[in-house]
């Protein structure tokens, strides 16, 4: 695992989540999803991710009764997940 710093994409993550500092840790490229990040709106995050050069590899899916998730790749092809909590979520 490596800490994110400005040379490893902190600008990408701060552009999505709005923070100049990050405690996100991630695995090397090619490693499965290391972290899920709770967000208020997957749709809004996906919009920012794509605008900043990232990609969505698993679009928003429901976890019935719990919420929604999506899986994305950052600009260095590292996977991370988004989680939107929502009671009563349905497919």
C-alpha atoms as a PDB file:
ATOM      1  CA  UNK A   1       0.000   0.000   0.000  1.00  0.00           C
ATOM      2  CA  UNK A   2       1.133   3.526  -0.648  1.00  0.00           C
ATOM      3  CA  UNK A   3      -0.076   6.863   0.648  1.00  0.00           C
ATOM      4  CA  UNK A   4      -1.481   9.193  -1.959  1.00  0.00           C
ATOM      5  CA  UNK A   5       0.459  12.370  -2.410  1.00  0.00           C
ATOM      6  CA  UNK A   6       0.376  15.102  -5.020  1.00  0.00           C
ATOM      7  CA  UNK A   7       2.620  13.118  -7.371  1.00  0.00           C
ATOM      8  CA  UNK A   8       0.297  10.096  -7.145  1.00  0.00           C
ATOM      9  CA  UNK A   9      -3.024  11.664  -8.042  1.00  0.00           C
ATOM     10  CA  UNK A  10      -4.062  13.759  -5.035  1.00  0.00           C
ATOM     11  CA  UNK A  11      -5.331  16.406  -7.455  1.00  0.00           C
ATOM     12  CA  UNK A  12      -7.639  13.783  -8.992  1.00  0.00           C
ATOM     13  CA  UNK A  13      -9.100  12.793  -5.616  1.00  0.00           C
ATOM     14  CA  UNK A  14      -9.346  16.338  -4.274  1.00  0.00           C
ATOM     15  CA  UNK A  15     -11.197  17.293  -7.471  1.00  0.00           C
ATOM     16  CA  UNK A  16     -13.771  14.597  -6.744  1.00  0.00           C
ATOM     17  CA  UNK A  17     -14.107  14.760  -2.982  1.00  0.00           C
ATOM     18  CA  UNK A  18     -13.203  18.408  -2.445  1.00  0.00           C
ATOM     19  CA  UNK A  19     -10.259  18.074  -0.091  1.00  0.00           C
ATOM     20  CA  UNK A  20      -6.679  19.138  -0.592  1.00  0.00           C
ATOM     21  CA  UNK A  21      -5.499  16.564   1.899  1.00  0.00           C
ATOM     22  CA  UNK A  22      -6.234  12.867   1.743  1.00  0.00           C
ATOM     23  CA  UNK A  23      -5.868   9.879   3.969  1.00  0.00           C
ATOM     24  CA  UNK A  24      -6.827   7.532   1.154  1.00  0.00           C
ATOM     25  CA  UNK A  25      -4.461   4.604   0.811  1.00  0.00           C
ATOM     26  CA  UNK A  26      -4.469   2.400  -2.225  1.00  0.00           C
ATOM     27  CA  UNK A  27      -2.899  -0.682  -3.676  1.00  0.00           C
ATOM     28  CA  UNK A  28      -0.640  -0.779  -6.712  1.00  0.00           C
ATOM     29  CA  UNK A  29      -2.105  -0.755 -10.249  1.00  0.00           C
ATOM     30  CA  UNK A  30      -3.807  -4.019 -11.151  1.00  0.00           C
ATOM     31  CA  UNK A  31      -4.840  -4.765  -7.576  1.00  0.00           C
ATOM     32  CA  UNK A  32      -8.528  -5.295  -6.810  1.00  0.00           C
ATOM     33  CA  UNK A  33     -10.587  -2.575  -5.148  1.00  0.00           C
ATOM     34  CA  UNK A  34      -8.860  -1.499  -1.959  1.00  0.00           C
ATOM     35  CA  UNK A  35     -11.285   1.105  -0.581  1.00  0.00           C
ATOM     36  CA  UNK A  36     -14.893   2.178  -0.787  1.00  0.00           C
ATOM     37  CA  UNK A  37     -15.532   5.838  -0.133  1.00  0.00           C
ATOM     38  CA  UNK A  38     -18.903   6.936   1.260  1.00  0.00           C
ATOM     39  CA  UNK A  39     -20.401   9.713  -0.854  1.00  0.00           C
ATOM     40  CA  UNK A  40     -23.702  11.609  -0.744  1.00  0.00           C
ATOM     41  CA  UNK A  41     -24.353  11.057  -4.473  1.00  0.00           C
ATOM     42  CA  UNK A  42     -22.729   8.495  -6.767  1.00  0.00           C
ATOM     43  CA  UNK A  43     -24.038  10.340  -9.835  1.00  0.00           C
ATOM     44  CA  UNK A  44     -22.312  13.594  -8.856  1.00  0.00           C
ATOM     45  CA  UNK A  45     -19.026  11.811  -8.101  1.00  0.00           C
ATOM     46  CA  UNK A  46     -19.124   9.870 -11.374  1.00  0.00           C
ATOM     47  CA  UNK A  47     -19.562  13.126 -13.256  1.00  0.00           C
ATOM     48  CA  UNK A  48     -16.443  14.582 -11.594  1.00  0.00           C
ATOM     49  CA  UNK A  49     -14.468  11.324 -11.984  1.00  0.00           C
ATOM     50  CA  UNK A  50     -15.064  11.232 -15.736  1.00  0.00           C
ATOM     51  CA  UNK A  51     -14.359  14.963 -16.129  1.00  0.00           C
ATOM     52  CA  UNK A  52     -11.003  14.505 -14.342  1.00  0.00           C
ATOM     53  CA  UNK A  53      -9.949  11.543 -16.518  1.00  0.00           C
ATOM     54  CA  UNK A  54     -11.091   8.582 -14.419  1.00  0.00           C
ATOM     55  CA  UNK A  55     -13.392   5.805 -15.596  1.00  0.00           C
ATOM     56  CA  UNK A  56     -16.380   3.925 -14.239  1.00  0.00           C
ATOM     57  CA  UNK A  57     -15.899   0.165 -14.590  1.00  0.00           C
ATOM     58  CA  UNK A  58     -18.966  -0.965 -12.628  1.00  0.00           C
ATOM     59  CA  UNK A  59     -21.846   1.493 -12.939  1.00  0.00           C
ATOM     60  CA  UNK A  60     -24.129   2.291 -10.008  1.00  0.00           C
ATOM     61  CA  UNK A  61     -25.754  -0.877  -8.660  1.00  0.00           C
ATOM     62  CA  UNK A  62     -28.171  -1.389  -5.786  1.00  0.00           C
ATOM     63  CA  UNK A  63     -27.501  -3.392  -2.667  1.00  0.00           C
ATOM     64  CA  UNK A  64     -31.168  -3.986  -1.771  1.00  0.00           C
ATOM     65  CA  UNK A  65     -32.149  -2.408   1.518  1.00  0.00           C
ATOM     66  CA  UNK A  66     -28.740  -0.830   2.113  1.00  0.00           C
ATOM     67  CA  UNK A  67     -27.532   1.507  -0.633  1.00  0.00           C
ATOM     68  CA  UNK A  68     -25.694   1.738  -3.937  1.00  0.00           C
ATOM     69  CA  UNK A  69     -22.136   1.194  -5.106  1.00  0.00           C
ATOM     70  CA  UNK A  70     -19.996   1.824  -8.165  1.00  0.00           C
ATOM     71  CA  UNK A  71     -16.399   0.919  -8.971  1.00  0.00           C
ATOM     72  CA  UNK A  72     -14.086   3.341 -10.731  1.00  0.00           C
ATOM     73  CA  UNK A  73     -10.498   3.645 -11.914  1.00  0.00           C
ATOM     74  CA  UNK A  74      -8.404   6.713 -11.240  1.00  0.00           C
ATOM     75  CA  UNK A  75      -6.024   8.234 -13.784  1.00  0.00           C
ATOM     76  CA  UNK A  76      -3.394   5.603 -12.883  1.00  0.00           C
ATOM     77  CA  UNK A  77      -5.829   2.665 -13.344  1.00  0.00           C
ATOM     78  CA  UNK A  78      -6.183   2.053  -9.614  1.00  0.00           C
ATOM     79  CA  UNK A  79      -9.616   0.815  -8.591  1.00  0.00           C
ATOM     80  CA  UNK A  80     -11.698   2.381  -5.856  1.00  0.00           C
ATOM     81  CA  UNK A  81     -15.333   2.071  -4.931  1.00  0.00           C
ATOM     82  CA  UNK A  82     -18.059   4.563  -4.188  1.00  0.00           C
ATOM     83  CA  UNK A  83     -20.763   3.814  -1.609  1.00  0.00           C
ATOM     84  CA  UNK A  84     -24.017   5.747  -1.251  1.00  0.00           C
ATOM     85  CA  UNK A  85     -26.004   4.717   1.784  1.00  0.00           C
ATOM     86  CA  UNK A  86     -29.760   4.578   1.205  1.00  0.00           C
ATOM     87  CA  UNK A  87     -32.178   2.547   3.268  1.00  0.00           C
ATOM     88  CA  UNK A  88     -34.691   0.790   1.093  1.00  0.00           C
ATOM     89  CA  UNK A  89     -32.469   0.821  -2.005  1.00  0.00           C
ATOM     90  CA  UNK A  90     -33.775  -1.377  -4.781  1.00  0.00           C
ATOM     91  CA  UNK A  91     -32.467  -2.583  -8.083  1.00  0.00           C
END
